[in-house]
Amino acid sequence: MSLDRSLRVSAGMAGTRSVLTRAERIAKLAADRKIDPAKNGALGIPKTRVGKA
C-alpha cells in the first residue's frame, strides 16, 4: 500500500531536531558539568537546544 501524496514529507520540510533525546541531553549536560548523573535523578532534566551547524 502506498502513501497518499498529501501525507508524504518532502526532504525540505524535514529540518533539524529542536531538542535532543534524554540520553543525548544527559551526555551533553554531564560533559558541560551542569549535572552529575549519579546524584541527579531522571526527572527535571533541562532541555538542551541543538546547535546550528
PDB file of N, CA and C in Angstrom:
ATOM      1  N   MET A   1       0.845  -1.165   0.000  1.00  0.00           N
ATOM      2  CA  MET A   1       0.000   0.000   0.000  1.00  0.00           C
ATOM      3  C   MET A   1       0.900   1.240   0.000  1.00  0.00           C
ATOM      4  N   SER A   2       0.565   2.210  -0.802  1.00  0.00           N
ATOM      5  CA  SER A   2       1.388   3.412  -0.892  1.00  0.00           C
ATOM      6  C   SER A   2       0.745   4.562  -0.126  1.00  0.00           C
ATOM      7  N   LEU A   3       1.559   5.554   0.192  1.00  0.00           N
ATOM      8  CA  LEU A   3       1.074   6.737   0.891  1.00  0.00           C
ATOM      9  C   LEU A   3       0.445   7.716  -0.090  1.00  0.00           C
ATOM     10  N   ASP A   4      -0.559   8.418   0.375  1.00  0.00           N
ATOM     11  CA  ASP A   4      -1.147   9.472  -0.416  1.00  0.00           C
ATOM     12  C   ASP A   4      -0.136  10.611  -0.561  1.00  0.00           C
ATOM     13  N   ARG A   5      -0.177  11.338  -1.667  1.00  0.00           N
ATOM     14  CA  ARG A   5       0.777  12.418  -1.917  1.00  0.00           C
ATOM     15  C   ARG A   5       0.716  13.487  -0.836  1.00  0.00           C
ATOM     16  N   SER A   6      -0.452  13.734  -0.261  1.00  0.00           N
ATOM     17  CA  SER A   6      -0.588  14.770   0.756  1.00  0.00           C
ATOM     18  C   SER A   6       0.067  14.375   2.081  1.00  0.00           C
ATOM     19  N   LEU A   7       0.293  13.077   2.294  1.00  0.00           N
ATOM     20  CA  LEU A   7       0.874  12.614   3.544  1.00  0.00           C
ATOM     21  C   LEU A   7       2.389  12.476   3.484  1.00  0.00           C
ATOM     22  N   ARG A   8       2.968  12.556   2.309  1.00  0.00           N
ATOM     23  CA  ARG A   8       4.414  12.421   2.175  1.00  0.00           C
ATOM     24  C   ARG A   8       5.107  13.695   2.633  1.00  0.00           C
ATOM     25  N   VAL A   9       6.257  13.529   3.253  1.00  0.00           N
ATOM     26  CA  VAL A   9       7.037  14.670   3.722  1.00  0.00           C
ATOM     27  C   VAL A   9       8.182  14.880   2.742  1.00  0.00           C
ATOM     28  N   SER A  10       8.270  16.081   2.198  1.00  0.00           N
ATOM     29  CA  SER A  10       9.359  16.358   1.277  1.00  0.00           C
ATOM     30  C   SER A  10      10.654  16.525   2.052  1.00  0.00           C
ATOM     31  N   ALA A  11      11.766  16.396   1.383  1.00  0.00           N
ATOM     32  CA  ALA A  11      13.071  16.481   2.036  1.00  0.00           C
ATOM     33  C   ALA A  11      13.315  17.872   2.608  1.00  0.00           C
ATOM     34  N   GLY A  12      12.747  18.894   2.022  1.00  0.00           N
ATOM     35  CA  GLY A  12      12.950  20.250   2.505  1.00  0.00           C
ATOM     36  C   GLY A  12      12.244  20.527   3.814  1.00  0.00           C
ATOM     37  N   MET A  13      11.194  19.809   4.097  1.00  0.00           N
ATOM     38  CA  MET A  13      10.437  20.038   5.319  1.00  0.00           C
ATOM     39  C   MET A  13      11.039  19.300   6.514  1.00  0.00           C
ATOM     40  N   ALA A  14      11.859  18.304   6.272  1.00  0.00           N
ATOM     41  CA  ALA A  14      12.467  17.538   7.362  1.00  0.00           C
ATOM     42  C   ALA A  14      13.708  18.280   7.830  1.00  0.00           C
ATOM     43  N   GLY A  15      13.519  19.203   8.773  1.00  0.00           N
ATOM     44  CA  GLY A  15      14.626  20.019   9.260  1.00  0.00           C
ATOM     45  C   GLY A  15      15.360  19.366  10.407  1.00  0.00           C
ATOM     46  N   THR A  16      16.201  20.135  11.062  1.00  0.00           N
ATOM     47  CA  THR A  16      16.937  19.612  12.195  1.00  0.00           C
ATOM     48  C   THR A  16      16.024  19.525  13.408  1.00  0.00           C
ATOM     49  N   ARG A  17      16.380  18.643  14.313  1.00  0.00           N
ATOM     50  CA  ARG A  17      15.583  18.487  15.523  1.00  0.00           C
ATOM     51  C   ARG A  17      15.822  19.689  16.429  1.00  0.00           C
ATOM     52  N   SER A  18      14.808  20.086  17.165  1.00  0.00           N
ATOM     53  CA  SER A  18      14.939  21.250  18.029  1.00  0.00           C
ATOM     54  C   SER A  18      15.445  20.878  19.424  1.00  0.00           C
ATOM     55  N   VAL A  19      15.286  19.637  19.833  1.00  0.00           N
ATOM     56  CA  VAL A  19      15.772  19.198  21.142  1.00  0.00           C
ATOM     57  C   VAL A  19      16.459  17.850  20.998  1.00  0.00           C
ATOM     58  N   LEU A  20      17.274  17.505  21.980  1.00  0.00           N
ATOM     59  CA  LEU A  20      17.979  16.230  21.986  1.00  0.00           C
ATOM     60  C   LEU A  20      17.151  15.179  22.722  1.00  0.00           C
ATOM     61  N   THR A  21      17.494  13.918  22.532  1.00  0.00           N
ATOM     62  CA  THR A  21      16.847  12.856  23.288  1.00  0.00           C
ATOM     63  C   THR A  21      17.367  12.884  24.718  1.00  0.00           C
ATOM     64  N   ARG A  22      16.740  12.134  25.605  1.00  0.00           N
ATOM     65  CA  ARG A  22      17.134  12.122  27.012  1.00  0.00           C
ATOM     66  C   ARG A  22      18.589  11.689  27.175  1.00  0.00           C
ATOM     67  N   ALA A  23      18.997  10.625  26.483  1.00  0.00           N
ATOM     68  CA  ALA A  23      20.371  10.134  26.605  1.00  0.00           C
ATOM     69  C   ALA A  23      21.367  11.166  26.076  1.00  0.00           C
ATOM     70  N   GLU A  24      21.024  11.824  24.975  1.00  0.00           N
ATOM     71  CA  GLU A  24      21.906  12.857  24.419  1.00  0.00           C
ATOM     72  C   GLU A  24      21.999  14.062  25.354  1.00  0.00           C
ATOM     73  N   ARG A  25      20.864  14.437  25.968  1.00  0.00           N
ATOM     74  CA  ARG A  25      20.873  15.567  26.911  1.00  0.00           C
ATOM     75  C   ARG A  25      21.732  15.267  28.125  1.00  0.00           C
ATOM     76  N   ILE A  26      21.596  14.056  28.678  1.00  0.00           N
ATOM     77  CA  ILE A  26      22.375  13.689  29.856  1.00  0.00           C
ATOM     78  C   ILE A  26      23.856  13.703  29.526  1.00  0.00           C
ATOM     79  N   ALA A  27      24.229  13.169  28.364  1.00  0.00           N
ATOM     80  CA  ALA A  27      25.639  13.156  27.966  1.00  0.00           C
ATOM     81  C   ALA A  27      26.173  14.570  27.790  1.00  0.00           C
ATOM     82  N   LYS A  28      25.384  15.449  27.158  1.00  0.00           N
ATOM     83  CA  LYS A  28      25.836  16.828  26.928  1.00  0.00           C
ATOM     84  C   LYS A  28      25.947  17.594  28.245  1.00  0.00           C
ATOM     85  N   LEU A  29      24.958  17.473  29.123  1.00  0.00           N
ATOM     86  CA  LEU A  29      24.994  18.179  30.398  1.00  0.00           C
ATOM     87  C   LEU A  29      26.103  17.641  31.308  1.00  0.00           C
ATOM     88  N   ALA A  30      26.366  16.348  31.243  1.00  0.00           N
ATOM     89  CA  ALA A  30      27.452  15.782  32.035  1.00  0.00           C
ATOM     90  C   ALA A  30      28.799  16.258  31.506  1.00  0.00           C
ATOM     91  N   ALA A  31      28.920  16.377  30.177  1.00  0.00           N
ATOM     92  CA  ALA A  31      30.168  16.870  29.595  1.00  0.00           C
ATOM     93  C   ALA A  31      30.400  18.333  29.960  1.00  0.00           C
ATOM     94  N   ASP A  32      29.317  19.113  30.054  1.00  0.00           N
ATOM     95  CA  ASP A  32      29.421  20.527  30.434  1.00  0.00           C
ATOM     96  C   ASP A  32      29.488  20.713  31.952  1.00  0.00           C
ATOM     97  N   ARG A  33      29.442  19.603  32.693  1.00  0.00           N
ATOM     98  CA  ARG A  33      29.471  19.597  34.167  1.00  0.00           C
ATOM     99  C   ARG A  33      28.326  20.402  34.775  1.00  0.00           C
ATOM    100  N   LYS A  34      27.151  20.332  34.137  1.00  0.00           N
ATOM    101  CA  LYS A  34      25.979  21.014  34.682  1.00  0.00           C
ATOM    102  C   LYS A  34      25.155  20.093  35.566  1.00  0.00           C
ATOM    103  N   ILE A  35      25.265  18.772  35.335  1.00  0.00           N
ATOM    104  CA  ILE A  35      24.606  17.790  36.193  1.00  0.00           C
ATOM    105  C   ILE A  35      25.563  16.640  36.448  1.00  0.00           C
ATOM    106  N   ASP A  36      25.297  15.899  37.505  1.00  0.00           N
ATOM    107  CA  ASP A  36      26.037  14.677  37.801  1.00  0.00           C
ATOM    108  C   ASP A  36      25.036  13.534  37.711  1.00  0.00           C
ATOM    109  N   PRO A  37      25.159  12.652  36.704  1.00  0.00           N
ATOM    110  CA  PRO A  37      24.168  11.578  36.536  1.00  0.00           C
ATOM    111  C   PRO A  37      24.019  10.688  37.761  1.00  0.00           C
ATOM    112  N   ALA A  38      25.067  10.557  38.571  1.00  0.00           N
ATOM    113  CA  ALA A  38      24.989   9.708  39.761  1.00  0.00           C
ATOM    114  C   ALA A  38      24.155  10.362  40.857  1.00  0.00           C
ATOM    115  N   LYS A  39      24.191  11.693  40.959  1.00  0.00           N
ATOM    116  CA  LYS A  39      23.485  12.406  42.023  1.00  0.00           C
ATOM    117  C   LYS A  39      22.096  12.872  41.607  1.00  0.00           C
ATOM    118  N   ASN A  40      21.949  13.374  40.383  1.00  0.00           N
ATOM    119  CA  ASN A  40      20.678  13.908  39.926  1.00  0.00           C
ATOM    120  C   ASN A  40      19.775  12.792  39.427  1.00  0.00           C
ATOM    121  N   GLY A  41      18.481  12.953  39.661  1.00  0.00           N
ATOM    122  CA  GLY A  41      17.519  11.968  39.217  1.00  0.00           C
ATOM    123  C   GLY A  41      17.165  12.123  37.753  1.00  0.00           C
ATOM    124  N   ALA A  42      16.279  11.269  37.282  1.00  0.00           N
ATOM    125  CA  ALA A  42      15.890  11.278  35.879  1.00  0.00           C
ATOM    126  C   ALA A  42      14.871  12.369  35.574  1.00  0.00           C
ATOM    127  N   LEU A  43      14.212  12.891  36.606  1.00  0.00           N
ATOM    128  CA  LEU A  43      13.199  13.913  36.385  1.00  0.00           C
ATOM    129  C   LEU A  43      13.800  15.306  36.500  1.00  0.00           C
ATOM    130  N   GLY A  44      13.262  16.228  35.756  1.00  0.00           N
ATOM    131  CA  GLY A  44      13.684  17.611  35.855  1.00  0.00           C
ATOM    132  C   GLY A  44      14.940  17.953  35.077  1.00  0.00           C
ATOM    133  N   ILE A  45      15.300  17.133  34.098  1.00  0.00           N
ATOM    134  CA  ILE A  45      16.478  17.421  33.286  1.00  0.00           C
ATOM    135  C   ILE A  45      16.117  18.561  32.332  1.00  0.00           C
ATOM    136  N   PRO A  46      16.909  19.634  32.279  1.00  0.00           N
ATOM    137  CA  PRO A  46      16.569  20.748  31.382  1.00  0.00           C
ATOM    138  C   PRO A  46      16.736  20.350  29.921  1.00  0.00           C
ATOM    139  N   LYS A  47      15.920  20.946  29.063  1.00  0.00           N
ATOM    140  CA  LYS A  47      16.027  20.697  27.632  1.00  0.00           C
ATOM    141  C   LYS A  47      17.220  21.460  27.087  1.00  0.00           C
ATOM    142  N   THR A  48      17.867  20.881  26.105  1.00  0.00           N
ATOM    143  CA  THR A  48      19.070  21.467  25.524  1.00  0.00           C
ATOM    144  C   THR A  48      18.849  21.622  24.029  1.00  0.00           C
ATOM    145  N   ARG A  49      19.038  22.828  23.530  1.00  0.00           N
ATOM    146  CA  ARG A  49      18.855  23.078  22.103  1.00  0.00           C
ATOM    147  C   ARG A  49      20.004  22.486  21.309  1.00  0.00           C
ATOM    148  N   VAL A  50      19.700  22.068  20.097  1.00  0.00           N
ATOM    149  CA  VAL A  50      20.711  21.539  19.193  1.00  0.00           C
ATOM    150  C   VAL A  50      21.413  22.721  18.548  1.00  0.00           C
ATOM    151  N   GLY A  51      22.728  22.725  18.583  1.00  0.00           N
ATOM    152  CA  GLY A  51      23.483  23.800  17.976  1.00  0.00           C
ATOM    153  C   GLY A  51      23.397  23.771  16.468  1.00  0.00           C
ATOM    154  N   LYS A  52      23.347  24.935  15.859  1.00  0.00           N
ATOM    155  CA  LYS A  52      23.279  25.006  14.401  1.00  0.00           C
ATOM    156  C   LYS A  52      24.650  24.746  13.811  1.00  0.00           C
ATOM    157  N   ALA A  53      24.669  24.085  12.684  1.00  0.00           N
ATOM    158  CA  ALA A  53      25.938  23.716  12.057  1.00  0.00           C
ATOM    159  C   ALA A  53      26.635  24.894  11.421  1.00  0.00           C
TER     160      ALA A  53
END
